[in-house]
Amino acid sequence: MVDGDFYGTGRLYPEGWRGKGVLVNHKMDNDRSVSAGVEARLPGSQSREATAEYDTEWMWQTEVPLMNAGSQSLPKISVVTPSFNQGQFIERTIRSVLLQSYPSLEYIIIDGGSTDNTVEIIRKYGQRLAYWVSESDRGQSHAINKGFSVATGQVLCWLNSDDFYLPNTLDIVGRLLAGGSDVYAIAGHCLKVYEDGHPSVLLEGHFQNRRRLLEFWKGYQMHQPAIFWRREVFQKIGLLDEDLHLIMDFDYWTRIAEHFAVITVNQTLACCCYHAEAKTGDDYAAYHRELNRYRYRYWGSMLSAQFWSLYASRLRHRSIASAQCWKQRVKSQLKSS
C-alpha cells in the first residue's frame, strides 16, 4: 500500500495548494451522447437536465463511488500520463485518476527524467500504478507512445500531468465504450482552469465529421483530455506521430476520423490547466501556427475536390475575419475621435 497520506486525509492537492477553478454553470443532459445523427445512451440511466458547480479544492475529498451497479463488466481503461518537471501539478493529476474508484484501471506514468520533485511524488503512489518509469525520452509524443506500447486496456487515453479528471469520468467512459457497443471513440467537454485565478471557461467538445475537423479555422472542438477510444481504434490507427510537437492530438483525431465516428458526450469529463509554463501557455498561438503549417498534409491531393473546397473555405473565413477586424478598428477610431 502507499503511505497512509493517501487514505483518510481527504486531500487531493499538496499542502498549501488552493483550488481556483470553478466549473461554470452549464445546462446538460448528462446521459446522452450525440454526433452526426448517432445517439448513444448510458445503460440504466435516466435523462436529466442539470447545472453544476465544482470547487476544485473540495470535490475530491473522498473516493468517488461508481454511478451504478453492474460495473464488473466494465472494460479495463489504460490511462497514460506523460510528464517532465511537472511537480507543481502532477499529484493532482494522479489523484484525479486513482480516486475515480474505477474497478479496472491501468494507470501508466512515463516521466522524461524530471529533475524537480516529480519522481518523489510518483513514487508516493507507485504501488497503485500499473507501470511507471523516469528516463530521458524524445519528447511528449514519444512518452505517450511508450505508455501505449505497454498498455493492455480495452480503452485508451492520455492525460497530461497538469490536467485532471472530474468525478465519475472513467465510469461514464467505461460504460459507453464497453465491448459489444457500436461506440468506438468519444469526445466530451473540458473545463479550462486558470492557475492565476481567472474564471474557468467551459470548452464544449463536439465532433461532426472529418471534414469539419479539418476546418479548424471555424473553431476547434476536440479537447484532448476528454477524448477516449477503444483498442480496436488503436490497432487500426497506431501510435502518435512523434515528429509533431504540438498538434499530435489533432493529427490523431483526423486519423481516427478516417475510419471511425467519434461520439460526442454531453458531459464535462476533464479539466485542462492553463498556466504560463504550459506548451499552450501562449493561448494556443503556436498550436494554431503548427496547424496552419501542416494543413496541406490532411487536405488530400491538389487534384481532389476536397483540397480546393478546404482552400476556399479557409480563404473565405480569413476574408470575413479581416473585414470584421477592419470594421472594429474603424468603430474604435470613430469613438476615440
Protein backbone atom coordinates (compact mmCIF):
# COMPACT_ATOMS: atom_id res chain seq x y z
CA MET A 1 0.00 0.00 0.00
CA VAL A 2 1.09 3.58 -0.48
CA ASP A 3 1.73 5.66 2.61
CA GLY A 4 -1.26 6.48 4.81
CA ASP A 5 -1.36 10.01 3.47
CA PHE A 6 -3.38 8.68 0.51
CA TYR A 7 -6.26 7.46 2.64
CA GLY A 8 -8.14 9.29 5.36
CA THR A 9 -6.83 12.79 4.74
CA GLY A 10 -9.34 13.59 2.00
CA ARG A 11 -6.69 15.68 0.26
CA LEU A 12 -6.05 15.61 -3.47
CA TYR A 13 -3.70 18.56 -3.60
CA PRO A 14 -0.33 19.15 -1.94
CA GLU A 15 -0.34 21.07 1.33
CA GLY A 16 -0.86 24.76 0.75
CA TRP A 17 -2.38 24.41 -2.72
CA ARG A 18 -5.54 26.43 -3.19
CA GLY A 19 -8.10 25.47 -5.84
CA LYS A 20 -9.08 28.40 -8.02
CA GLY A 21 -11.11 26.88 -10.85
CA VAL A 22 -14.88 26.64 -10.71
CA LEU A 23 -16.97 24.89 -13.31
CA VAL A 24 -19.23 27.42 -14.92
CA ASN A 25 -22.95 26.69 -14.81
CA HIS A 26 -23.80 24.63 -17.84
CA LYS A 27 -27.05 23.01 -18.85
CA MET A 28 -26.55 19.47 -20.00
CA ASP A 29 -28.24 16.15 -20.46
CA ASN A 30 -25.55 14.13 -18.71
CA ASP A 31 -26.61 10.73 -20.01
CA ARG A 32 -26.77 11.26 -23.74
CA SER A 33 -24.14 11.27 -26.45
CA VAL A 34 -24.91 12.62 -29.89
CA SER A 35 -22.81 13.09 -33.01
CA ALA A 36 -23.79 13.35 -36.65
CA GLY A 37 -27.17 11.80 -36.01
CA VAL A 38 -25.75 8.97 -33.88
CA GLU A 39 -27.03 8.68 -30.33
CA ALA A 40 -25.58 6.60 -27.50
CA ARG A 41 -27.25 6.20 -24.15
CA LEU A 42 -25.73 5.11 -20.86
CA PRO A 43 -27.28 1.81 -19.71
CA GLY A 44 -29.70 2.14 -16.81
CA SER A 45 -29.59 5.94 -16.84
CA GLN A 46 -32.38 8.46 -16.77
CA SER A 47 -32.30 11.59 -18.87
CA ARG A 48 -31.93 14.65 -16.69
CA GLU A 49 -31.18 18.33 -17.05
CA ALA A 50 -28.61 19.63 -14.59
CA THR A 51 -26.45 22.57 -13.70
CA ALA A 52 -23.43 22.03 -11.51
CA GLU A 53 -20.54 23.83 -9.85
CA TYR A 54 -17.38 22.05 -8.84
CA ASP A 55 -14.96 23.63 -6.38
CA THR A 56 -11.71 22.04 -7.49
CA GLU A 57 -10.34 22.02 -3.94
CA TRP A 58 -13.01 20.02 -2.14
CA MET A 59 -14.59 17.85 -4.81
CA TRP A 60 -12.01 15.07 -4.41
CA GLN A 61 -12.03 14.84 -0.62
CA THR A 62 -13.28 11.25 -0.68
CA GLU A 63 -13.15 8.44 -3.16
CA VAL A 64 -15.92 8.80 -5.72
CA PRO A 65 -18.39 5.88 -5.82
CA LEU A 66 -19.41 4.42 -9.13
CA MET A 67 -22.63 5.79 -10.57
CA ASN A 68 -24.37 2.45 -10.98
CA ALA A 69 -24.21 -1.24 -10.16
CA GLY A 70 -23.07 -3.92 -12.57
CA SER A 71 -19.61 -2.42 -13.00
CA GLN A 72 -17.96 -5.86 -13.06
CA SER A 73 -18.42 -5.87 -16.83
CA LEU A 74 -16.71 -2.52 -17.36
CA PRO A 75 -13.67 -2.64 -19.67
CA LYS A 76 -10.13 -2.07 -18.49
CA ILE A 77 -9.13 1.55 -19.12
CA SER A 78 -5.47 2.39 -19.68
CA VAL A 79 -4.62 5.99 -18.78
CA VAL A 80 -1.16 7.21 -19.84
CA THR A 81 0.33 10.33 -18.26
CA PRO A 82 3.47 11.81 -19.88
CA SER A 83 5.46 14.06 -17.57
CA PHE A 84 8.54 16.22 -17.35
CA ASN A 85 9.22 18.57 -14.43
CA GLN A 86 5.55 18.94 -13.51
CA GLY A 87 5.95 18.52 -9.75
CA GLN A 88 3.69 21.51 -9.16
CA PHE A 89 0.72 19.74 -10.76
CA ILE A 90 1.25 16.01 -11.09
CA GLU A 91 -0.10 14.92 -7.69
CA ARG A 92 -3.44 16.48 -8.56
CA THR A 93 -3.40 14.58 -11.86
CA ILE A 94 -2.51 11.26 -10.23
CA ARG A 95 -5.14 11.51 -7.55
CA SER A 96 -7.84 12.53 -10.03
CA VAL A 97 -7.23 9.20 -11.76
CA LEU A 98 -6.80 6.93 -8.75
CA LEU A 99 -9.72 8.42 -6.82
CA GLN A 100 -12.11 7.54 -9.63
CA SER A 101 -12.58 4.18 -7.85
CA TYR A 102 -12.81 2.62 -11.30
CA PRO A 103 -12.69 -1.18 -10.85
CA SER A 104 -10.48 -1.98 -13.84
CA LEU A 105 -7.89 0.77 -14.14
CA GLU A 106 -4.41 0.53 -15.62
CA TYR A 107 -2.56 3.75 -14.84
CA ILE A 108 0.79 4.32 -16.54
CA ILE A 109 3.13 7.29 -15.98
CA ILE A 110 6.03 7.96 -18.34
CA ASP A 111 8.37 10.61 -16.95
CA GLY A 112 11.12 12.09 -19.09
CA GLY A 113 13.77 12.20 -16.36
CA SER A 114 12.43 15.06 -14.28
CA THR A 115 14.85 16.99 -12.09
CA ASP A 116 12.25 18.56 -9.77
CA ASN A 117 10.11 16.69 -7.20
CA THR A 118 8.05 14.83 -9.82
CA VAL A 119 9.70 11.44 -9.26
CA GLU A 120 9.29 11.73 -5.50
CA ILE A 121 5.55 12.28 -5.99
CA ILE A 122 5.23 9.39 -8.45
CA ARG A 123 7.00 7.04 -6.01
CA LYS A 124 4.48 8.00 -3.34
CA TYR A 125 1.75 6.37 -5.43
CA GLY A 126 3.93 3.75 -7.09
CA GLN A 127 2.11 0.73 -5.69
CA ARG A 128 -1.17 1.93 -7.21
CA LEU A 129 0.37 2.33 -10.67
CA ALA A 130 0.45 -0.43 -13.27
CA TYR A 131 3.75 0.87 -14.63
CA TRP A 132 5.96 3.92 -14.36
CA VAL A 133 9.41 4.94 -15.47
CA SER A 134 11.59 8.04 -15.31
CA GLU A 135 14.17 8.24 -18.08
CA SER A 136 15.10 10.58 -20.90
CA ASP A 137 12.87 10.44 -23.97
CA ARG A 138 12.38 12.23 -27.27
CA GLY A 139 9.50 14.42 -26.10
CA GLN A 140 5.82 14.24 -25.21
CA SER A 141 4.65 12.19 -28.19
CA HIS A 142 7.40 9.63 -27.62
CA ALA A 143 6.49 9.39 -23.93
CA ILE A 144 2.81 8.79 -24.75
CA ASN A 145 3.76 6.17 -27.32
CA LYS A 146 5.93 4.39 -24.74
CA GLY A 147 2.89 4.25 -22.48
CA PHE A 148 0.58 2.98 -25.20
CA SER A 149 3.12 0.29 -26.07
CA VAL A 150 2.86 -1.28 -22.60
CA ALA A 151 -0.89 -0.62 -22.12
CA THR A 152 -3.22 -3.63 -22.13
CA GLY A 153 -6.61 -1.95 -21.62
CA GLN A 154 -9.63 -2.24 -23.88
CA VAL A 155 -9.97 1.56 -23.69
CA LEU A 156 -7.07 4.01 -24.09
CA CYS A 157 -6.42 7.70 -23.49
CA TRP A 158 -3.77 10.03 -22.22
CA LEU A 159 -3.94 12.69 -19.52
CA ASN A 160 -1.21 15.29 -19.34
CA SER A 161 0.49 15.83 -16.00
CA ASP A 162 -1.10 19.25 -15.41
CA ASP A 163 -4.67 18.19 -16.32
CA PHE A 164 -7.17 16.21 -14.25
CA TYR A 165 -10.44 14.29 -14.42
CA LEU A 166 -13.79 15.17 -12.89
CA PRO A 167 -15.79 12.75 -10.71
CA ASN A 168 -17.13 9.58 -12.41
CA THR A 169 -15.36 10.31 -15.69
CA LEU A 170 -13.94 6.82 -16.08
CA ASP A 171 -17.25 5.20 -15.16
CA ILE A 172 -19.02 7.19 -17.90
CA VAL A 173 -16.28 6.32 -20.38
CA GLY A 174 -16.23 2.64 -19.44
CA ARG A 175 -19.96 2.21 -19.87
CA LEU A 176 -20.06 4.00 -23.22
CA LEU A 177 -17.06 2.14 -24.65
CA ALA A 178 -17.86 -1.30 -23.24
CA GLY A 179 -17.39 -4.18 -25.65
CA GLY A 180 -20.40 -5.05 -27.75
CA SER A 181 -21.45 -1.46 -28.30
CA ASP A 182 -21.06 0.29 -31.64
CA VAL A 183 -19.29 3.23 -29.99
CA TYR A 184 -15.54 3.24 -30.67
CA ALA A 185 -14.43 6.76 -29.69
CA ILE A 186 -15.97 9.53 -27.61
CA ALA A 187 -15.31 13.22 -27.04
CA GLY A 188 -16.67 15.20 -24.09
CA HIS A 189 -16.45 18.74 -22.76
CA CYS A 190 -13.39 20.09 -20.98
CA LEU A 191 -13.08 22.81 -18.36
CA LYS A 192 -10.22 25.27 -18.88
CA VAL A 193 -8.92 26.11 -15.40
CA TYR A 194 -6.63 29.10 -14.96
CA GLU A 195 -3.95 28.81 -12.31
CA ASP A 196 -3.77 32.61 -11.94
CA GLY A 197 -7.34 32.79 -10.63
CA HIS A 198 -9.17 33.85 -13.79
CA PRO A 199 -12.71 32.41 -14.08
CA SER A 200 -12.80 28.97 -15.64
CA VAL A 201 -14.10 28.54 -19.18
CA LEU A 202 -16.11 25.60 -20.46
CA LEU A 203 -14.70 24.22 -23.73
CA GLU A 204 -17.54 22.35 -25.37
CA GLY A 205 -16.50 19.23 -27.20
CA HIS A 206 -18.20 18.35 -30.45
CA PHE A 207 -17.42 16.12 -33.43
CA GLN A 208 -19.36 16.36 -36.68
CA ASN A 209 -17.16 14.66 -39.23
CA ARG A 210 -13.60 14.65 -40.51
CA ARG A 211 -14.24 17.44 -42.99
CA ARG A 212 -15.42 19.80 -40.23
CA LEU A 213 -12.42 18.80 -38.12
CA LEU A 214 -10.11 19.88 -40.93
CA GLU A 215 -11.81 23.29 -40.99
CA PHE A 216 -10.16 24.17 -37.67
CA TRP A 217 -10.30 27.88 -38.55
CA LYS A 218 -14.06 27.72 -37.87
CA GLY A 219 -13.42 26.62 -34.30
CA TYR A 220 -11.71 23.61 -32.75
CA GLN A 221 -13.90 21.45 -30.51
CA MET A 222 -11.83 18.32 -29.88
CA HIS A 223 -10.33 18.72 -26.41
CA GLN A 224 -7.68 16.10 -25.74
CA PRO A 225 -8.19 15.32 -22.00
CA ALA A 226 -11.85 14.48 -22.71
CA ILE A 227 -11.30 12.05 -25.62
CA PHE A 228 -11.18 8.25 -25.26
CA TRP A 229 -11.15 5.34 -27.71
CA ARG A 230 -11.31 1.56 -27.82
CA ARG A 231 -8.41 -0.78 -28.53
CA GLU A 232 -9.85 -1.58 -31.96
CA VAL A 233 -9.21 2.06 -32.85
CA PHE A 234 -5.63 1.91 -31.58
CA GLN A 235 -4.98 -1.29 -33.52
CA LYS A 236 -6.15 0.41 -36.68
CA ILE A 237 -4.59 3.86 -36.16
CA GLY A 238 -1.37 3.03 -34.32
CA LEU A 239 0.86 5.41 -32.37
CA LEU A 240 1.18 9.20 -32.32
CA ASP A 241 3.35 10.96 -34.89
CA GLU A 242 6.49 11.79 -32.91
CA ASP A 243 7.60 14.39 -35.45
CA LEU A 244 4.76 16.66 -34.32
CA HIS A 245 5.49 18.81 -31.28
CA LEU A 246 2.09 20.41 -30.66
CA ILE A 247 -0.62 19.06 -32.95
CA MET A 248 -0.01 15.33 -32.44
CA ASP A 249 -3.51 15.17 -30.89
CA PHE A 250 -5.17 16.87 -33.89
CA ASP A 251 -3.28 14.55 -36.20
CA TYR A 252 -4.52 11.54 -34.20
CA TRP A 253 -8.14 12.70 -34.31
CA THR A 254 -8.01 13.14 -38.09
CA ARG A 255 -6.60 9.63 -38.46
CA ILE A 256 -9.30 8.19 -36.21
CA ALA A 257 -12.00 10.06 -38.14
CA GLU A 258 -10.92 8.40 -41.39
CA HIS A 259 -12.20 5.07 -40.06
CA PHE A 260 -14.45 5.66 -37.03
CA ALA A 261 -17.19 8.00 -35.86
CA VAL A 262 -16.39 9.97 -32.71
CA ILE A 263 -19.47 10.22 -30.50
CA THR A 264 -20.00 13.49 -28.64
CA VAL A 265 -20.75 13.05 -24.92
CA ASN A 266 -22.69 15.96 -23.47
CA GLN A 267 -20.74 15.79 -20.24
CA THR A 268 -17.77 17.67 -18.80
CA LEU A 269 -15.17 14.94 -18.32
CA ALA A 270 -11.88 16.69 -17.57
CA CYS A 271 -10.12 19.93 -16.66
CA CYS A 272 -7.19 21.31 -18.61
CA CYS A 273 -4.86 23.53 -16.65
CA TYR A 274 -3.82 26.82 -18.24
CA HIS A 275 -0.56 28.32 -16.96
CA ALA A 276 2.39 30.23 -18.37
CA GLU A 277 4.73 27.20 -18.49
CA ALA A 278 2.30 25.02 -20.47
CA LYS A 279 3.02 24.24 -24.14
CA THR A 280 -0.18 26.13 -24.95
CA GLY A 281 0.54 28.91 -22.47
CA ASP A 282 0.57 31.41 -25.34
CA ASP A 283 -3.21 30.91 -25.68
CA TYR A 284 -2.66 28.28 -28.40
CA ALA A 285 -0.93 30.68 -30.78
CA ALA A 286 1.94 28.28 -31.54
CA TYR A 287 -0.55 25.40 -31.79
CA HIS A 288 -2.51 27.20 -34.49
CA ARG A 289 0.68 28.15 -36.32
CA GLU A 290 1.59 24.47 -36.47
CA LEU A 291 -1.93 23.60 -37.63
CA ASN A 292 -1.56 26.08 -40.48
CA ARG A 293 1.92 24.88 -41.35
CA TYR A 294 0.81 21.26 -41.71
CA ARG A 295 -2.71 21.84 -43.10
CA TYR A 296 -1.96 20.54 -46.60
CA ARG A 297 -0.97 17.17 -45.14
CA TYR A 298 -4.66 16.50 -44.41
CA TRP A 299 -6.33 18.05 -47.43
CA GLY A 300 -5.50 15.29 -49.91
CA SER A 301 -4.32 15.64 -53.49
CA MET A 302 -4.34 19.05 -55.13
CA LEU A 303 -6.32 17.34 -57.90
CA SER A 304 -9.14 16.49 -55.48
CA ALA A 305 -12.32 18.48 -54.96
CA GLN A 306 -11.76 18.32 -51.18
CA PHE A 307 -8.43 20.17 -51.43
CA TRP A 308 -9.90 23.16 -53.26
CA SER A 309 -13.06 23.15 -51.18
CA LEU A 310 -10.97 23.43 -48.00
CA TYR A 311 -8.73 26.03 -49.64
CA ALA A 312 -11.79 28.14 -50.50
CA SER A 313 -13.29 27.67 -47.02
CA ARG A 314 -10.12 28.93 -45.34
CA LEU A 315 -9.77 31.86 -47.75
CA ARG A 316 -13.40 32.85 -47.20
CA HIS A 317 -13.02 32.63 -43.42
CA ARG A 318 -9.86 34.76 -43.44
CA SER A 319 -11.57 37.37 -45.64
CA ILE A 320 -14.57 37.60 -43.29
CA ALA A 321 -12.31 37.79 -40.24
CA SER A 322 -10.23 40.57 -41.83
CA ALA A 323 -13.35 42.55 -42.72
CA GLN A 324 -14.70 42.23 -39.17
CA CYS A 325 -11.35 43.31 -37.75
CA TRP A 326 -11.29 46.34 -40.05
CA LYS A 327 -14.86 47.33 -39.05
CA GLN A 328 -13.95 47.05 -35.38
CA ARG A 329 -10.88 49.21 -35.90
CA VAL A 330 -12.91 51.87 -37.66
CA LYS A 331 -15.51 51.88 -34.86
CA SER A 332 -12.78 52.26 -32.26
CA GLN A 333 -11.24 55.18 -34.13
CA LEU A 334 -14.60 56.89 -34.51
CA LYS A 335 -15.32 56.54 -30.79
CA SER A 336 -11.94 57.98 -29.85
CA SER A 337 -12.23 60.95 -32.25
